[in-house]
Amino acid sequence: FFFLFFFFQAEDGIRDFCLSRGLGDVYKRQAMKKKPSLRQEFAIYKLRFEIERQIKLEAKENYFQLTNVVKFEELLKDCHMIIEKVANTQIEFWAQVCNQRPDFDVLDNFASKIYNDSAVADKLWKRLLEINPSYPD
């Protein structure tokens, strides 16, 4: 068996291993030292103003959409409740009609409740469609 060993000795110019920070750091230091010209400062100001304006507009639009969603959900809940109320009143109405001797005053009371609550449900439905015209889809 043959064993060969090679030994290299570092020259004086080689130092310990260190990671290079790359050109990005050099450019950053140069940018920090150099002050932008008046034209560049104005362009930066103008772009910053435009970006801030766009962010505010989008925030308003998102807030408007969010409030519409919340309002829509509240109206939908109210609409479901009033429709359920109308359905229950109709059940009571027809139960009274099926009696041997229906009381016409009670029937009249049920009929006016059904009519009024149906009108409220219709108004709520129209408001829902104003907020979201494609709701039933």
C-alpha atoms as a PDB file:
ATOM      1  CA  PHE A   1       0.000   0.000   0.000  1.00  0.00           C
ATOM      2  CA  PHE A   2       1.039   3.475  -0.864  1.00  0.00           C
ATOM      3  CA  PHE A   3       0.164   6.586   1.084  1.00  0.00           C
ATOM      4  CA  LEU A   4       0.789  10.061  -0.206  1.00  0.00           C
ATOM      5  CA  PHE A   5       0.386  13.115   1.938  1.00  0.00           C
ATOM      6  CA  PHE A   6       0.408  16.638   0.620  1.00  0.00           C
ATOM      7  CA  PHE A   7       0.825  19.599   2.883  1.00  0.00           C
ATOM      8  CA  PHE A   8       0.314  23.170   1.754  1.00  0.00           C
ATOM      9  CA  GLN A   9       1.350  26.140   3.725  1.00  0.00           C
ATOM     10  CA  ALA A  10      -0.591  29.391   3.450  1.00  0.00           C
ATOM     11  CA  GLU A  11       1.236  32.339   2.075  1.00  0.00           C
ATOM     12  CA  ASP A  12       1.481  35.595   3.961  1.00  0.00           C
ATOM     13  CA  GLY A  13      -1.265  37.317   1.946  1.00  0.00           C
ATOM     14  CA  ILE A  14      -4.066  34.824   2.889  1.00  0.00           C
ATOM     15  CA  ARG A  15      -6.078  35.611   5.994  1.00  0.00           C
ATOM     16  CA  ASP A  16      -8.894  33.905   7.878  1.00  0.00           C
ATOM     17  CA  PHE A  17     -12.107  33.084   6.029  1.00  0.00           C
ATOM     18  CA  CYS A  18     -14.757  35.841   6.105  1.00  0.00           C
ATOM     19  CA  LEU A  19     -17.966  36.235   4.168  1.00  0.00           C
ATOM     20  CA  SER A  20     -18.057  38.935   1.559  1.00  0.00           C
ATOM     21  CA  ARG A  21     -20.764  41.505   2.193  1.00  0.00           C
ATOM     22  CA  GLY A  22     -21.265  41.899  -1.532  1.00  0.00           C
ATOM     23  CA  LEU A  23     -21.677  44.943  -3.734  1.00  0.00           C
ATOM     24  CA  GLY A  24     -25.043  45.829  -2.218  1.00  0.00           C
ATOM     25  CA  ASP A  25     -23.405  47.077   0.960  1.00  0.00           C
ATOM     26  CA  VAL A  26     -20.953  49.158  -1.037  1.00  0.00           C
ATOM     27  CA  TYR A  27     -23.802  50.787  -2.983  1.00  0.00           C
ATOM     28  CA  LYS A  28     -25.777  51.383   0.210  1.00  0.00           C
ATOM     29  CA  ARG A  29     -22.830  53.165   1.805  1.00  0.00           C
ATOM     30  CA  GLN A  30     -22.378  55.261  -1.325  1.00  0.00           C
ATOM     31  CA  ALA A  31     -26.070  56.168  -1.334  1.00  0.00           C
ATOM     32  CA  MET A  32     -25.910  57.206   2.312  1.00  0.00           C
ATOM     33  CA  LYS A  33     -22.967  59.473   1.673  1.00  0.00           C
ATOM     34  CA  LYS A  34     -24.411  61.080  -1.447  1.00  0.00           C
ATOM     35  CA  LYS A  35     -27.260  63.570  -0.984  1.00  0.00           C
ATOM     36  CA  PRO A  36     -29.973  63.482  -3.690  1.00  0.00           C
ATOM     37  CA  SER A  37     -30.285  66.430  -6.004  1.00  0.00           C
ATOM     38  CA  LEU A  38     -33.206  68.836  -5.764  1.00  0.00           C
ATOM     39  CA  ARG A  39     -34.817  67.212  -8.814  1.00  0.00           C
ATOM     40  CA  GLN A  40     -34.475  63.750  -7.238  1.00  0.00           C
ATOM     41  CA  GLU A  41     -35.885  64.995  -3.911  1.00  0.00           C
ATOM     42  CA  PHE A  42     -38.870  66.502  -5.721  1.00  0.00           C
ATOM     43  CA  ALA A  43     -39.458  63.260  -7.663  1.00  0.00           C
ATOM     44  CA  ILE A  44     -39.292  61.287  -4.408  1.00  0.00           C
ATOM     45  CA  TYR A  45     -41.715  63.716  -2.745  1.00  0.00           C
ATOM     46  CA  LYS A  46     -44.114  63.525  -5.688  1.00  0.00           C
ATOM     47  CA  LEU A  47     -44.058  59.713  -5.795  1.00  0.00           C
ATOM     48  CA  ARG A  48     -44.468  59.466  -2.025  1.00  0.00           C
ATOM     49  CA  PHE A  49     -47.445  61.846  -2.141  1.00  0.00           C
ATOM     50  CA  GLU A  50     -49.055  59.832  -4.957  1.00  0.00           C
ATOM     51  CA  ILE A  51     -48.507  56.516  -3.138  1.00  0.00           C
ATOM     52  CA  GLU A  52     -49.992  57.905   0.084  1.00  0.00           C
ATOM     53  CA  ARG A  53     -52.976  59.279  -1.851  1.00  0.00           C
ATOM     54  CA  GLN A  54     -53.576  55.887  -3.497  1.00  0.00           C
ATOM     55  CA  ILE A  55     -53.349  54.119  -0.133  1.00  0.00           C
ATOM     56  CA  LYS A  56     -55.921  56.510   1.354  1.00  0.00           C
ATOM     57  CA  LEU A  57     -58.276  56.022  -1.606  1.00  0.00           C
ATOM     58  CA  GLU A  58     -57.997  52.243  -1.383  1.00  0.00           C
ATOM     59  CA  ALA A  59     -58.520  52.375   2.380  1.00  0.00           C
ATOM     60  CA  LYS A  60     -61.702  54.427   1.898  1.00  0.00           C
ATOM     61  CA  GLU A  61     -62.947  52.037  -0.764  1.00  0.00           C
ATOM     62  CA  ASN A  62     -62.166  48.988   1.373  1.00  0.00           C
ATOM     63  CA  TYR A  63     -63.869  50.630   4.368  1.00  0.00           C
ATOM     64  CA  PHE A  64     -66.929  51.381   2.226  1.00  0.00           C
ATOM     65  CA  GLN A  65     -67.043  47.783   0.988  1.00  0.00           C
ATOM     66  CA  LEU A  66     -66.618  46.457   4.523  1.00  0.00           C
ATOM     67  CA  THR A  67     -69.405  48.654   5.892  1.00  0.00           C
ATOM     68  CA  ASN A  68     -71.614  47.524   3.009  1.00  0.00           C
ATOM     69  CA  VAL A  69     -70.925  43.892   3.881  1.00  0.00           C
ATOM     70  CA  VAL A  70     -71.768  44.491   7.546  1.00  0.00           C
ATOM     71  CA  LYS A  71     -74.887  46.472   6.637  1.00  0.00           C
ATOM     72  CA  PHE A  72     -75.933  43.782   4.136  1.00  0.00           C
ATOM     73  CA  GLU A  73     -75.559  41.026   6.745  1.00  0.00           C
ATOM     74  CA  GLU A  74     -77.605  42.992   9.281  1.00  0.00           C
ATOM     75  CA  LEU A  75     -80.354  43.666   6.730  1.00  0.00           C
ATOM     76  CA  LEU A  76     -80.338  40.037   5.623  1.00  0.00           C
ATOM     77  CA  LYS A  77     -80.731  38.903   9.224  1.00  0.00           C
ATOM     78  CA  ASP A  78     -83.621  41.349   9.720  1.00  0.00           C
ATOM     79  CA  CYS A  79     -85.184  40.190   6.451  1.00  0.00           C
ATOM     80  CA  HIS A  80     -85.000  36.533   7.521  1.00  0.00           C
ATOM     81  CA  MET A  81     -86.581  37.389  10.874  1.00  0.00           C
ATOM     82  CA  ILE A  82     -89.488  39.334   9.342  1.00  0.00           C
ATOM     83  CA  ILE A  83     -90.121  36.593   6.749  1.00  0.00           C
ATOM     84  CA  GLU A  84     -90.209  34.033   9.547  1.00  0.00           C
ATOM     85  CA  LYS A  85     -92.630  36.281  11.452  1.00  0.00           C
ATOM     86  CA  VAL A  86     -94.894  36.522   8.374  1.00  0.00           C
ATOM     87  CA  ALA A  87     -94.800  32.724   7.923  1.00  0.00           C
ATOM     88  CA  ASN A  88     -95.740  32.130  11.575  1.00  0.00           C
ATOM     89  CA  THR A  89     -98.563  34.666  11.361  1.00  0.00           C
ATOM     90  CA  GLN A  90     -99.863  32.933   8.228  1.00  0.00           C
ATOM     91  CA  ILE A  91     -99.844  29.590  10.065  1.00  0.00           C
ATOM     92  CA  GLU A  92    -101.862  31.169  12.880  1.00  0.00           C
ATOM     93  CA  PHE A  93    -104.214  32.737  10.323  1.00  0.00           C
ATOM     94  CA  TRP A  94    -104.905  29.412   8.603  1.00  0.00           C
ATOM     95  CA  ALA A  95    -105.268  27.648  11.937  1.00  0.00           C
ATOM     96  CA  GLN A  96    -107.974  30.189  12.831  1.00  0.00           C
ATOM     97  CA  VAL A  97    -109.658  29.722   9.434  1.00  0.00           C
ATOM     98  CA  CYS A  98    -109.808  25.951  10.025  1.00  0.00           C
ATOM     99  CA  ASN A  99    -111.727  26.390  13.313  1.00  0.00           C
ATOM    100  CA  GLN A 100    -115.399  25.448  13.428  1.00  0.00           C
ATOM    101  CA  ARG A 101    -116.288  29.066  14.113  1.00  0.00           C
ATOM    102  CA  PRO A 102    -113.474  31.407  13.006  1.00  0.00           C
ATOM    103  CA  ASP A 103    -113.342  34.766  14.728  1.00  0.00           C
ATOM    104  CA  PHE A 104    -113.336  37.371  11.984  1.00  0.00           C
ATOM    105  CA  ASP A 105    -111.777  40.055  14.190  1.00  0.00           C
ATOM    106  CA  VAL A 106    -108.829  37.728  14.906  1.00  0.00           C
ATOM    107  CA  LEU A 107    -108.578  36.894  11.209  1.00  0.00           C
ATOM    108  CA  ASP A 108    -108.628  40.592  10.333  1.00  0.00           C
ATOM    109  CA  ASN A 109    -105.875  41.216  12.900  1.00  0.00           C
ATOM    110  CA  PHE A 110    -103.740  38.399  11.445  1.00  0.00           C
ATOM    111  CA  ALA A 111    -104.338  39.647   7.899  1.00  0.00           C
ATOM    112  CA  SER A 112    -103.230  43.203   8.745  1.00  0.00           C
ATOM    113  CA  LYS A 113    -100.111  41.833  10.522  1.00  0.00           C
ATOM    114  CA  ILE A 114     -99.287  39.715   7.469  1.00  0.00           C
ATOM    115  CA  TYR A 115     -99.807  42.671   5.129  1.00  0.00           C
ATOM    116  CA  ASN A 116     -97.715  45.112   7.214  1.00  0.00           C
ATOM    117  CA  ASP A 117     -94.891  42.650   7.890  1.00  0.00           C
ATOM    118  CA  SER A 118     -94.817  41.635   4.208  1.00  0.00           C
ATOM    119  CA  ALA A 119     -94.412  45.316   3.275  1.00  0.00           C
ATOM    120  CA  VAL A 120     -91.492  45.617   5.723  1.00  0.00           C
ATOM    121  CA  ALA A 121     -89.916  42.447   4.264  1.00  0.00           C
ATOM    122  CA  ASP A 122     -90.321  43.878   0.751  1.00  0.00           C
ATOM    123  CA  LYS A 123     -88.586  47.133   1.764  1.00  0.00           C
ATOM    124  CA  LEU A 124     -85.724  45.199   3.381  1.00  0.00           C
ATOM    125  CA  TRP A 125     -85.378  43.059   0.262  1.00  0.00           C
ATOM    126  CA  LYS A 126     -85.175  46.149  -1.955  1.00  0.00           C
ATOM    127  CA  ARG A 127     -82.491  47.649   0.314  1.00  0.00           C
ATOM    128  CA  LEU A 128     -80.538  44.388   0.113  1.00  0.00           C
ATOM    129  CA  LEU A 129     -80.669  44.513  -3.670  1.00  0.00           C
ATOM    130  CA  GLU A 130     -79.468  48.133  -3.645  1.00  0.00           C
ATOM    131  CA  ILE A 131     -76.346  47.064  -1.764  1.00  0.00           C
ATOM    132  CA  ASN A 132     -75.775  43.895  -3.782  1.00  0.00           C
ATOM    133  CA  PRO A 133     -77.821  43.685  -7.006  1.00  0.00           C
ATOM    134  CA  SER A 134     -76.569  40.142  -7.750  1.00  0.00           C
ATOM    135  CA  TYR A 135     -77.428  38.756  -4.281  1.00  0.00           C
ATOM    136  CA  PRO A 136     -79.753  35.873  -5.188  1.00  0.00           C
ATOM    137  CA  ASP A 137     -77.203  34.471  -7.662  1.00  0.00           C
END
